[in-house]
Amino acid sequence: MGVEFIRKRITDLRLKKGVSEYKMSLDLGHSRSYIQNIIAGRSLPSIEEFLYICEYLNVTPKAFFDDSEVEPILIQKALDGMRGLPDKDLLMLIGVIDRFKEGKSE
């Protein structure tokens, strides 16, 4: 896993979020070519900027590097929605997930 992975992953997650390189660059407070320069290999983000990019893409740094996760943005949204729910509701969600998994294996 190297620099090329980071560039490709930013592109993949940006596309899943549905934003252009231009918009993402401006939203992050940079010139319009900021993300384009990263993707083209002309620059790399600092660690601080990388963390901002992860936040913007709604993924944790761990999820960013876990390319086995097909939909990290959706998974993160689900996790965010579950945080703070009472135990009773979490158990109910786990039951629903288990039921979906059972139906998938049939």
PDB file of N, CA and C in Angstrom:
ATOM      1  N   MET A   1       0.859  -1.168   0.000  1.00  0.00           N
ATOM      2  CA  MET A   1       0.000   0.000   0.000  1.00  0.00           C
ATOM      3  C   MET A   1       0.907   1.233   0.000  1.00  0.00           C
ATOM      4  N   GLY A   2       0.718   2.095  -0.973  1.00  0.00           N
ATOM      5  CA  GLY A   2       1.589   3.246  -1.070  1.00  0.00           C
ATOM      6  C   GLY A   2       0.856   4.490  -1.517  1.00  0.00           C
ATOM      7  N   VAL A   3       1.630   5.387  -2.083  1.00  0.00           N
ATOM      8  CA  VAL A   3       1.108   6.684  -2.510  1.00  0.00           C
ATOM      9  C   VAL A   3       0.011   6.521  -3.556  1.00  0.00           C
ATOM     10  N   GLU A   4       0.218   5.598  -4.479  1.00  0.00           N
ATOM     11  CA  GLU A   4      -0.791   5.381  -5.524  1.00  0.00           C
ATOM     12  C   GLU A   4      -2.119   4.933  -4.916  1.00  0.00           C
ATOM     13  N   PHE A   5      -2.057   4.106  -3.876  1.00  0.00           N
ATOM     14  CA  PHE A   5      -3.282   3.679  -3.191  1.00  0.00           C
ATOM     15  C   PHE A   5      -4.019   4.891  -2.631  1.00  0.00           C
ATOM     16  N   ILE A   6      -3.283   5.804  -1.996  1.00  0.00           N
ATOM     17  CA  ILE A   6      -3.899   6.995  -1.397  1.00  0.00           C
ATOM     18  C   ILE A   6      -4.594   7.822  -2.476  1.00  0.00           C
ATOM     19  N   ARG A   7      -3.923   8.034  -3.585  1.00  0.00           N
ATOM     20  CA  ARG A   7      -4.517   8.821  -4.678  1.00  0.00           C
ATOM     21  C   ARG A   7      -5.788   8.165  -5.204  1.00  0.00           C
ATOM     22  N   LYS A   8      -5.711   6.855  -5.436  1.00  0.00           N
ATOM     23  CA  LYS A   8      -6.873   6.143  -5.965  1.00  0.00           C
ATOM     24  C   LYS A   8      -8.014   6.127  -4.951  1.00  0.00           C
ATOM     25  N   ARG A   9      -7.677   5.947  -3.694  1.00  0.00           N
ATOM     26  CA  ARG A   9      -8.719   5.880  -2.655  1.00  0.00           C
ATOM     27  C   ARG A   9      -9.433   7.224  -2.511  1.00  0.00           C
ATOM     28  N   ILE A  10      -8.677   8.321  -2.571  1.00  0.00           N
ATOM     29  CA  ILE A  10      -9.311   9.647  -2.513  1.00  0.00           C
ATOM     30  C   ILE A  10     -10.296   9.779  -3.668  1.00  0.00           C
ATOM     31  N   THR A  11      -9.876   9.378  -4.857  1.00  0.00           N
ATOM     32  CA  THR A  11     -10.757   9.466  -6.027  1.00  0.00           C
ATOM     33  C   THR A  11     -11.998   8.606  -5.844  1.00  0.00           C
ATOM     34  N   ASP A  12     -11.818   7.363  -5.431  1.00  0.00           N
ATOM     35  CA  ASP A  12     -12.962   6.457  -5.250  1.00  0.00           C
ATOM     36  C   ASP A  12     -13.960   7.011  -4.237  1.00  0.00           C
ATOM     37  N   LEU A  13     -13.458   7.460  -3.093  1.00  0.00           N
ATOM     38  CA  LEU A  13     -14.349   7.962  -2.048  1.00  0.00           C
ATOM     39  C   LEU A  13     -14.990   9.291  -2.445  1.00  0.00           C
ATOM     40  N   ARG A  14     -14.249  10.110  -3.169  1.00  0.00           N
ATOM     41  CA  ARG A  14     -14.800  11.386  -3.642  1.00  0.00           C
ATOM     42  C   ARG A  14     -15.957  11.123  -4.603  1.00  0.00           C
ATOM     43  N   LEU A  15     -15.768  10.167  -5.501  1.00  0.00           N
ATOM     44  CA  LEU A  15     -16.831   9.832  -6.446  1.00  0.00           C
ATOM     45  C   LEU A  15     -18.055   9.256  -5.737  1.00  0.00           C
ATOM     46  N   LYS A  16     -17.835   8.435  -4.720  1.00  0.00           N
ATOM     47  CA  LYS A  16     -18.961   7.885  -3.952  1.00  0.00           C
ATOM     48  C   LYS A  16     -19.721   8.993  -3.235  1.00  0.00           C
ATOM     49  N   LYS A  17     -18.986  10.018  -2.824  1.00  0.00           N
ATOM     50  CA  LYS A  17     -19.637  11.154  -2.170  1.00  0.00           C
ATOM     51  C   LYS A  17     -20.348  12.039  -3.192  1.00  0.00           C
ATOM     52  N   GLY A  18     -19.926  11.940  -4.447  1.00  0.00           N
ATOM     53  CA  GLY A  18     -20.590  12.692  -5.510  1.00  0.00           C
ATOM     54  C   GLY A  18     -20.136  14.134  -5.637  1.00  0.00           C
ATOM     55  N   VAL A  19     -18.864  14.397  -5.358  1.00  0.00           N
ATOM     56  CA  VAL A  19     -18.343  15.758  -5.485  1.00  0.00           C
ATOM     57  C   VAL A  19     -17.187  15.785  -6.481  1.00  0.00           C
ATOM     58  N   SER A  20     -17.008  16.909  -7.111  1.00  0.00           N
ATOM     59  CA  SER A  20     -15.920  17.074  -8.068  1.00  0.00           C
ATOM     60  C   SER A  20     -14.617  17.386  -7.332  1.00  0.00           C
ATOM     61  N   GLU A  21     -13.508  17.216  -8.023  1.00  0.00           N
ATOM     62  CA  GLU A  21     -12.208  17.602  -7.457  1.00  0.00           C
ATOM     63  C   GLU A  21     -12.214  19.081  -7.113  1.00  0.00           C
ATOM     64  N   TYR A  22     -12.776  19.870  -8.004  1.00  0.00           N
ATOM     65  CA  TYR A  22     -12.851  21.320  -7.820  1.00  0.00           C
ATOM     66  C   TYR A  22     -13.607  21.671  -6.538  1.00  0.00           C
ATOM     67  N   LYS A  23     -14.817  21.102  -6.377  1.00  0.00           N
ATOM     68  CA  LYS A  23     -15.631  21.404  -5.192  1.00  0.00           C
ATOM     69  C   LYS A  23     -14.952  20.928  -3.916  1.00  0.00           C
ATOM     70  N   MET A  24     -14.385  19.734  -3.961  1.00  0.00           N
ATOM     71  CA  MET A  24     -13.705  19.205  -2.780  1.00  0.00           C
ATOM     72  C   MET A  24     -12.541  20.105  -2.385  1.00  0.00           C
ATOM     73  N   SER A  25     -11.769  20.541  -3.367  1.00  0.00           N
ATOM     74  CA  SER A  25     -10.641  21.441  -3.094  1.00  0.00           C
ATOM     75  C   SER A  25     -11.108  22.706  -2.401  1.00  0.00           C
ATOM     76  N   LEU A  26     -12.149  23.329  -2.948  1.00  0.00           N
ATOM     77  CA  LEU A  26     -12.663  24.573  -2.365  1.00  0.00           C
ATOM     78  C   LEU A  26     -13.265  24.333  -0.989  1.00  0.00           C
ATOM     79  N   ASP A  27     -14.009  23.230  -0.838  1.00  0.00           N
ATOM     80  CA  ASP A  27     -14.616  22.915   0.462  1.00  0.00           C
ATOM     81  C   ASP A  27     -13.552  22.713   1.544  1.00  0.00           C
ATOM     82  N   LEU A  28     -12.386  22.211   1.140  1.00  0.00           N
ATOM     83  CA  LEU A  28     -11.290  22.009   2.093  1.00  0.00           C
ATOM     84  C   LEU A  28     -10.479  23.281   2.328  1.00  0.00           C
ATOM     85  N   GLY A  29     -10.859  24.358   1.637  1.00  0.00           N
ATOM     86  CA  GLY A  29     -10.194  25.640   1.852  1.00  0.00           C
ATOM     87  C   GLY A  29      -8.930  25.840   1.034  1.00  0.00           C
ATOM     88  N   HIS A  30      -8.841  25.164  -0.094  1.00  0.00           N
ATOM     89  CA  HIS A  30      -7.650  25.251  -0.942  1.00  0.00           C
ATOM     90  C   HIS A  30      -8.016  25.800  -2.313  1.00  0.00           C
ATOM     91  N   SER A  31      -6.979  25.960  -3.135  1.00  0.00           N
ATOM     92  CA  SER A  31      -7.210  26.377  -4.514  1.00  0.00           C
ATOM     93  C   SER A  31      -7.972  25.281  -5.242  1.00  0.00           C
ATOM     94  N   ARG A  32      -8.563  25.638  -6.359  1.00  0.00           N
ATOM     95  CA  ARG A  32      -9.407  24.684  -7.085  1.00  0.00           C
ATOM     96  C   ARG A  32      -8.643  23.474  -7.610  1.00  0.00           C
ATOM     97  N   SER A  33      -7.329  23.570  -7.701  1.00  0.00           N
ATOM     98  CA  SER A  33      -6.541  22.459  -8.246  1.00  0.00           C
ATOM     99  C   SER A  33      -5.887  21.590  -7.161  1.00  0.00           C
ATOM    100  N   TYR A  34      -6.197  21.838  -5.894  1.00  0.00           N
ATOM    101  CA  TYR A  34      -5.555  21.115  -4.790  1.00  0.00           C
ATOM    102  C   TYR A  34      -5.699  19.597  -4.929  1.00  0.00           C
ATOM    103  N   ILE A  35      -6.930  19.112  -5.040  1.00  0.00           N
ATOM    104  CA  ILE A  35      -7.165  17.663  -5.137  1.00  0.00           C
ATOM    105  C   ILE A  35      -6.622  17.136  -6.459  1.00  0.00           C
ATOM    106  N   GLN A  36      -6.780  17.885  -7.528  1.00  0.00           N
ATOM    107  CA  GLN A  36      -6.246  17.467  -8.826  1.00  0.00           C
ATOM    108  C   GLN A  36      -4.731  17.254  -8.737  1.00  0.00           C
ATOM    109  N   ASN A  37      -4.023  18.126  -8.025  1.00  0.00           N
ATOM    110  CA  ASN A  37      -2.576  17.982  -7.866  1.00  0.00           C
ATOM    111  C   ASN A  37      -2.214  16.735  -7.073  1.00  0.00           C
ATOM    112  N   ILE A  38      -3.010  16.406  -6.085  1.00  0.00           N
ATOM    113  CA  ILE A  38      -2.770  15.186  -5.300  1.00  0.00           C
ATOM    114  C   ILE A  38      -2.980  13.963  -6.191  1.00  0.00           C
ATOM    115  N   ILE A  39      -4.091  13.934  -6.903  1.00  0.00           N
ATOM    116  CA  ILE A  39      -4.432  12.788  -7.747  1.00  0.00           C
ATOM    117  C   ILE A  39      -3.413  12.608  -8.870  1.00  0.00           C
ATOM    118  N   ALA A  40      -2.912  13.714  -9.396  1.00  0.00           N
ATOM    119  CA  ALA A  40      -1.945  13.653 -10.500  1.00  0.00           C
ATOM    120  C   ALA A  40      -0.528  13.338 -10.034  1.00  0.00           C
ATOM    121  N   GLY A  41      -0.310  13.309  -8.730  1.00  0.00           N
ATOM    122  CA  GLY A  41       1.009  12.978  -8.212  1.00  0.00           C
ATOM    123  C   GLY A  41       1.949  14.156  -8.080  1.00  0.00           C
ATOM    124  N   ARG A  42       1.420  15.358  -8.210  1.00  0.00           N
ATOM    125  CA  ARG A  42       2.259  16.546  -8.083  1.00  0.00           C
ATOM    126  C   ARG A  42       2.462  16.966  -6.629  1.00  0.00           C
ATOM    127  N   SER A  43       1.599  16.466  -5.741  1.00  0.00           N
ATOM    128  CA  SER A  43       1.741  16.791  -4.320  1.00  0.00           C
ATOM    129  C   SER A  43       1.049  15.713  -3.491  1.00  0.00           C
ATOM    130  N   LEU A  44       1.327  15.742  -2.206  1.00  0.00           N
ATOM    131  CA  LEU A  44       0.655  14.858  -1.251  1.00  0.00           C
ATOM    132  C   LEU A  44       0.174  15.716  -0.086  1.00  0.00           C
ATOM    133  N   PRO A  45      -0.941  15.339   0.527  1.00  0.00           N
ATOM    134  CA  PRO A  45      -1.410  16.117   1.674  1.00  0.00           C
ATOM    135  C   PRO A  45      -0.544  15.851   2.905  1.00  0.00           C
ATOM    136  N   SER A  46      -0.437  16.851   3.749  1.00  0.00           N
ATOM    137  CA  SER A  46       0.209  16.642   5.044  1.00  0.00           C
ATOM    138  C   SER A  46      -0.679  15.710   5.856  1.00  0.00           C
ATOM    139  N   ILE A  47      -0.189  15.229   6.968  1.00  0.00           N
ATOM    140  CA  ILE A  47      -0.995  14.340   7.813  1.00  0.00           C
ATOM    141  C   ILE A  47      -2.233  15.078   8.318  1.00  0.00           C
ATOM    142  N   GLU A  48      -2.070  16.352   8.649  1.00  0.00           N
ATOM    143  CA  GLU A  48      -3.213  17.149   9.107  1.00  0.00           C
ATOM    144  C   GLU A  48      -4.249  17.287   7.993  1.00  0.00           C
ATOM    145  N   GLU A  49      -3.784  17.556   6.787  1.00  0.00           N
ATOM    146  CA  GLU A  49      -4.699  17.667   5.649  1.00  0.00           C
ATOM    147  C   GLU A  49      -5.344  16.325   5.335  1.00  0.00           C
ATOM    148  N   PHE A  50      -4.588  15.244   5.475  1.00  0.00           N
ATOM    149  CA  PHE A  50      -5.152  13.917   5.261  1.00  0.00           C
ATOM    150  C   PHE A  50      -6.323  13.675   6.213  1.00  0.00           C
ATOM    151  N   LEU A  51      -6.174  14.080   7.468  1.00  0.00           N
ATOM    152  CA  LEU A  51      -7.256  13.917   8.441  1.00  0.00           C
ATOM    153  C   LEU A  51      -8.472  14.744   8.056  1.00  0.00           C
ATOM    154  N   TYR A  52      -8.248  15.959   7.532  1.00  0.00           N
ATOM    155  CA  TYR A  52      -9.359  16.786   7.041  1.00  0.00           C
ATOM    156  C   TYR A  52     -10.041  16.119   5.852  1.00  0.00           C
ATOM    157  N   ILE A  53      -9.240  15.525   4.969  1.00  0.00           N
ATOM    158  CA  ILE A  53      -9.798  14.832   3.805  1.00  0.00           C
ATOM    159  C   ILE A  53     -10.670  13.668   4.263  1.00  0.00           C
ATOM    160  N   CYS A  54     -10.195  12.896   5.230  1.00  0.00           N
ATOM    161  CA  CYS A  54     -10.999  11.788   5.767  1.00  0.00           C
ATOM    162  C   CYS A  54     -12.305  12.301   6.353  1.00  0.00           C
ATOM    163  N   GLU A  55     -12.220  13.359   7.127  1.00  0.00           N
ATOM    164  CA  GLU A  55     -13.429  13.936   7.726  1.00  0.00           C
ATOM    165  C   GLU A  55     -14.392  14.398   6.631  1.00  0.00           C
ATOM    166  N   TYR A  56     -13.875  15.057   5.619  1.00  0.00           N
ATOM    167  CA  TYR A  56     -14.694  15.536   4.512  1.00  0.00           C
ATOM    168  C   TYR A  56     -15.380  14.368   3.798  1.00  0.00           C
ATOM    169  N   LEU A  57     -14.662  13.276   3.637  1.00  0.00           N
ATOM    170  CA  LEU A  57     -15.202  12.109   2.950  1.00  0.00           C
ATOM    171  C   LEU A  57     -16.042  11.220   3.863  1.00  0.00           C
ATOM    172  N   ASN A  58     -16.169  11.626   5.117  1.00  0.00           N
ATOM    173  CA  ASN A  58     -16.972  10.892   6.108  1.00  0.00           C
ATOM    174  C   ASN A  58     -16.463   9.486   6.362  1.00  0.00           C
ATOM    175  N   VAL A  59     -15.142   9.346   6.423  1.00  0.00           N
ATOM    176  CA  VAL A  59     -14.541   8.061   6.771  1.00  0.00           C
ATOM    177  C   VAL A  59     -13.472   8.286   7.832  1.00  0.00           C
ATOM    178  N   THR A  60     -13.245   7.276   8.625  1.00  0.00           N
ATOM    179  CA  THR A  60     -12.143   7.335   9.576  1.00  0.00           C
ATOM    180  C   THR A  60     -10.852   7.018   8.820  1.00  0.00           C
ATOM    181  N   PRO A  61      -9.706   7.412   9.351  1.00  0.00           N
ATOM    182  CA  PRO A  61      -8.453   7.004   8.704  1.00  0.00           C
ATOM    183  C   PRO A  61      -8.357   5.486   8.552  1.00  0.00           C
ATOM    184  N   LYS A  62      -8.840   4.751   9.541  1.00  0.00           N
ATOM    185  CA  LYS A  62      -8.829   3.288   9.454  1.00  0.00           C
ATOM    186  C   LYS A  62      -9.657   2.815   8.262  1.00  0.00           C
ATOM    187  N   ALA A  63     -10.856   3.362   8.110  1.00  0.00           N
ATOM    188  CA  ALA A  63     -11.716   2.971   6.989  1.00  0.00           C
ATOM    189  C   ALA A  63     -11.114   3.403   5.655  1.00  0.00           C
ATOM    190  N   PHE A  64     -10.396   4.527   5.654  1.00  0.00           N
ATOM    191  CA  PHE A  64      -9.745   4.983   4.424  1.00  0.00           C
ATOM    192  C   PHE A  64      -8.782   3.924   3.905  1.00  0.00           C
ATOM    193  N   PHE A  65      -8.001   3.343   4.807  1.00  0.00           N
ATOM    194  CA  PHE A  65      -6.991   2.370   4.398  1.00  0.00           C
ATOM    195  C   PHE A  65      -7.526   0.947   4.266  1.00  0.00           C
ATOM    196  N   ASP A  66      -8.763   0.715   4.676  1.00  0.00           N
ATOM    197  CA  ASP A  66      -9.358  -0.616   4.563  1.00  0.00           C
ATOM    198  C   ASP A  66     -10.103  -0.708   3.240  1.00  0.00           C
ATOM    199  N   ASP A  67      -9.396  -1.095   2.192  1.00  0.00           N
ATOM    200  CA  ASP A  67     -10.028  -1.144   0.883  1.00  0.00           C
ATOM    201  C   ASP A  67     -10.929  -2.364   0.699  1.00  0.00           C
ATOM    202  N   SER A  68     -11.002  -3.230   1.696  1.00  0.00           N
ATOM    203  CA  SER A  68     -11.938  -4.349   1.619  1.00  0.00           C
ATOM    204  C   SER A  68     -13.356  -3.872   1.930  1.00  0.00           C
ATOM    205  N   GLU A  69     -13.461  -2.713   2.528  1.00  0.00           N
ATOM    206  CA  GLU A  69     -14.768  -2.127   2.844  1.00  0.00           C
ATOM    207  C   GLU A  69     -15.316  -1.464   1.592  1.00  0.00           C
ATOM    208  N   VAL A  70     -16.374  -2.037   1.038  1.00  0.00           N
ATOM    209  CA  VAL A  70     -16.908  -1.563  -0.233  1.00  0.00           C
ATOM    210  C   VAL A  70     -17.592  -0.206  -0.098  1.00  0.00           C
ATOM    211  N   GLU A  71     -18.306   0.005   0.961  1.00  0.00           N
ATOM    212  CA  GLU A  71     -19.063   1.245   1.164  1.00  0.00           C
ATOM    213  C   GLU A  71     -18.693   1.907   2.494  1.00  0.00           C
ATOM    214  N   PRO A  72     -17.463   2.379   2.653  1.00  0.00           N
ATOM    215  CA  PRO A  72     -17.062   2.934   3.944  1.00  0.00           C
ATOM    216  C   PRO A  72     -17.859   4.160   4.366  1.00  0.00           C
ATOM    217  N   ILE A  73     -18.313   4.946   3.428  1.00  0.00           N
ATOM    218  CA  ILE A  73     -19.089   6.144   3.782  1.00  0.00           C
ATOM    219  C   ILE A  73     -20.426   5.735   4.391  1.00  0.00           C
ATOM    220  N   LEU A  74     -21.088   4.752   3.771  1.00  0.00           N
ATOM    221  CA  LEU A  74     -22.374   4.294   4.309  1.00  0.00           C
ATOM    222  C   LEU A  74     -22.203   3.599   5.659  1.00  0.00           C
ATOM    223  N   ILE A  75     -21.155   2.814   5.782  1.00  0.00           N
ATOM    224  CA  ILE A  75     -20.891   2.133   7.055  1.00  0.00           C
ATOM    225  C   ILE A  75     -20.659   3.167   8.148  1.00  0.00           C
ATOM    226  N   GLN A  76     -19.888   4.205   7.853  1.00  0.00           N
ATOM    227  CA  GLN A  76     -19.614   5.242   8.844  1.00  0.00           C
ATOM    228  C   GLN A  76     -20.895   5.979   9.231  1.00  0.00           C
ATOM    229  N   LYS A  77     -21.763   6.251   8.254  1.00  0.00           N
ATOM    230  CA  LYS A  77     -23.041   6.909   8.560  1.00  0.00           C
ATOM    231  C   LYS A  77     -23.882   6.031   9.489  1.00  0.00           C
ATOM    232  N   ALA A  78     -23.880   4.730   9.215  1.00  0.00           N
ATOM    233  CA  ALA A  78     -24.644   3.812  10.065  1.00  0.00           C
ATOM    234  C   ALA A  78     -24.081   3.807  11.483  1.00  0.00           C
ATOM    235  N   LEU A  79     -22.759   3.744  11.592  1.00  0.00           N
ATOM    236  CA  LEU A  79     -22.129   3.759  12.920  1.00  0.00           C
ATOM    237  C   LEU A  79     -22.424   5.062  13.658  1.00  0.00           C
ATOM    238  N   ASP A  80     -22.334   6.171  12.945  1.00  0.00           N
ATOM    239  CA  ASP A  80     -22.632   7.460  13.574  1.00  0.00           C
ATOM    240  C   ASP A  80     -24.071   7.507  14.080  1.00  0.00           C
ATOM    241  N   GLY A  81     -24.979   6.929  13.296  1.00  0.00           N
ATOM    242  CA  GLY A  81     -26.380   6.908  13.696  1.00  0.00           C
ATOM    243  C   GLY A  81     -26.646   6.021  14.902  1.00  0.00           C
ATOM    244  N   MET A  82     -25.836   4.992  15.078  1.00  0.00           N
ATOM    245  CA  MET A  82     -26.039   4.071  16.199  1.00  0.00           C
ATOM    246  C   MET A  82     -25.441   4.585  17.505  1.00  0.00           C
ATOM    247  N   ARG A  83     -24.452   5.449  17.398  1.00  0.00           N
ATOM    248  CA  ARG A  83     -23.816   5.962  18.621  1.00  0.00           C
ATOM    249  C   ARG A  83     -24.840   6.710  19.466  1.00  0.00           C
ATOM    250  N   GLY A  84     -24.860   6.390  20.715  1.00  0.00           N
ATOM    251  CA  GLY A  84     -25.761   7.069  21.640  1.00  0.00           C
ATOM    252  C   GLY A  84     -27.134   6.439  21.747  1.00  0.00           C
ATOM    253  N   LEU A  85     -27.417   5.428  20.921  1.00  0.00           N
ATOM    254  CA  LEU A  85     -28.703   4.754  21.045  1.00  0.00           C
ATOM    255  C   LEU A  85     -28.709   3.909  22.311  1.00  0.00           C
ATOM    256  N   PRO A  86     -29.856   3.779  22.935  1.00  0.00           N
ATOM    257  CA  PRO A  86     -29.944   2.911  24.112  1.00  0.00           C
ATOM    258  C   PRO A  86     -29.684   1.450  23.734  1.00  0.00           C
ATOM    259  N   ASP A  87     -29.246   0.675  24.714  1.00  0.00           N
ATOM    260  CA  ASP A  87     -28.935  -0.738  24.494  1.00  0.00           C
ATOM    261  C   ASP A  87     -30.095  -1.484  23.844  1.00  0.00           C
ATOM    262  N   LYS A  88     -31.296  -1.183  24.267  1.00  0.00           N
ATOM    263  CA  LYS A  88     -32.492  -1.856  23.743  1.00  0.00           C
ATOM    264  C   LYS A  88     -32.581  -1.659  22.226  1.00  0.00           C
ATOM    265  N   ASP A  89     -32.331  -0.446  21.754  1.00  0.00           N
ATOM    266  CA  ASP A  89     -32.406  -0.161  20.318  1.00  0.00           C
ATOM    267  C   ASP A  89     -31.243  -0.805  19.558  1.00  0.00           C
ATOM    268  N   LEU A  90     -30.057  -0.802  20.158  1.00  0.00           N
ATOM    269  CA  LEU A  90     -28.912  -1.448  19.519  1.00  0.00           C
ATOM    270  C   LEU A  90     -29.156  -2.946  19.355  1.00  0.00           C
ATOM    271  N   LEU A  91     -29.707  -3.579  20.381  1.00  0.00           N
ATOM    272  CA  LEU A  91     -30.016  -5.011  20.297  1.00  0.00           C
ATOM    273  C   LEU A  91     -31.047  -5.289  19.207  1.00  0.00           C
ATOM    274  N   MET A  92     -32.019  -4.387  19.070  1.00  0.00           N
ATOM    275  CA  MET A  92     -33.022  -4.547  18.028  1.00  0.00           C
ATOM    276  C   MET A  92     -32.355  -4.433  16.647  1.00  0.00           C
ATOM    277  N   LEU A  93     -31.443  -3.466  16.471  1.00  0.00           N
ATOM    278  CA  LEU A  93     -30.724  -3.322  15.197  1.00  0.00           C
ATOM    279  C   LEU A  93     -29.881  -4.550  14.879  1.00  0.00           C
ATOM    280  N   ILE A  94     -29.232  -5.093  15.883  1.00  0.00           N
ATOM    281  CA  ILE A  94     -28.443  -6.309  15.683  1.00  0.00           C
ATOM    282  C   ILE A  94     -29.349  -7.449  15.231  1.00  0.00           C
ATOM    283  N   GLY A  95     -30.540  -7.534  15.818  1.00  0.00           N
ATOM    284  CA  GLY A  95     -31.499  -8.560  15.391  1.00  0.00           C
ATOM    285  C   GLY A  95     -31.903  -8.382  13.933  1.00  0.00           C
ATOM    286  N   VAL A  96     -32.119  -7.154  13.523  1.00  0.00           N
ATOM    287  CA  VAL A  96     -32.483  -6.877  12.125  1.00  0.00           C
ATOM    288  C   VAL A  96     -31.327  -7.257  11.207  1.00  0.00           C
ATOM    289  N   ILE A  97     -30.095  -6.886  11.578  1.00  0.00           N
ATOM    290  CA  ILE A  97     -28.920  -7.230  10.769  1.00  0.00           C
ATOM    291  C   ILE A  97     -28.786  -8.744  10.649  1.00  0.00           C
ATOM    292  N   ASP A  98     -28.952  -9.451  11.763  1.00  0.00           N
ATOM    293  CA  ASP A  98     -28.865 -10.914  11.730  1.00  0.00           C
ATOM    294  C   ASP A  98     -29.930 -11.501  10.810  1.00  0.00           C
ATOM    295  N   ARG A  99     -31.110 -10.921  10.843  1.00  0.00           N
ATOM    296  CA  ARG A  99     -32.192 -11.420   9.985  1.00  0.00           C
ATOM    297  C   ARG A  99     -31.860 -11.200   8.513  1.00  0.00           C
ATOM    298  N   PHE A 100     -31.295 -10.038   8.178  1.00  0.00           N
ATOM    299  CA  PHE A 100     -30.880  -9.780   6.793  1.00  0.00           C
ATOM    300  C   PHE A 100     -29.812 -10.774   6.356  1.00  0.00           C
ATOM    301  N   LYS A 101     -28.856 -11.046   7.259  1.00  0.00           N
ATOM    302  CA  LYS A 101     -27.789 -11.995   6.920  1.00  0.00           C
ATOM    303  C   LYS A 101     -28.358 -13.376   6.673  1.00  0.00           C
ATOM    304  N   GLU A 102     -29.334 -13.810   7.477  1.00  0.00           N
ATOM    305  CA  GLU A 102     -29.964 -15.112   7.291  1.00  0.00           C
ATOM    306  C   GLU A 102     -30.637 -15.200   5.933  1.00  0.00           C
ATOM    307  N   GLY A 103     -31.340 -14.143   5.569  1.00  0.00           N
ATOM    308  CA  GLY A 103     -32.052 -14.110   4.284  1.00  0.00           C
ATOM    309  C   GLY A 103     -31.081 -14.131   3.116  1.00  0.00           C
ATOM    310  N   LYS A 104     -29.919 -13.542   3.303  1.00  0.00           N
ATOM    311  CA  LYS A 104     -28.909 -13.478   2.237  1.00  0.00           C
ATOM    312  C   LYS A 104     -28.283 -14.840   1.981  1.00  0.00           C
ATOM    313  N   SER A 105     -28.161 -15.657   3.026  1.00  0.00           N
ATOM    314  CA  SER A 105     -27.501 -16.954   2.864  1.00  0.00           C
ATOM    315  C   SER A 105     -28.448 -18.040   2.359  1.00  0.00           C
ATOM    316  N   GLU A 106     -29.714 -17.748   2.293  1.00  0.00           N
ATOM    317  CA  GLU A 106     -30.698 -18.769   1.819  1.00  0.00           C
ATOM    318  C   GLU A 106     -30.691 -18.893   0.330  1.00  0.00           C
TER     319      GLU A 106
END
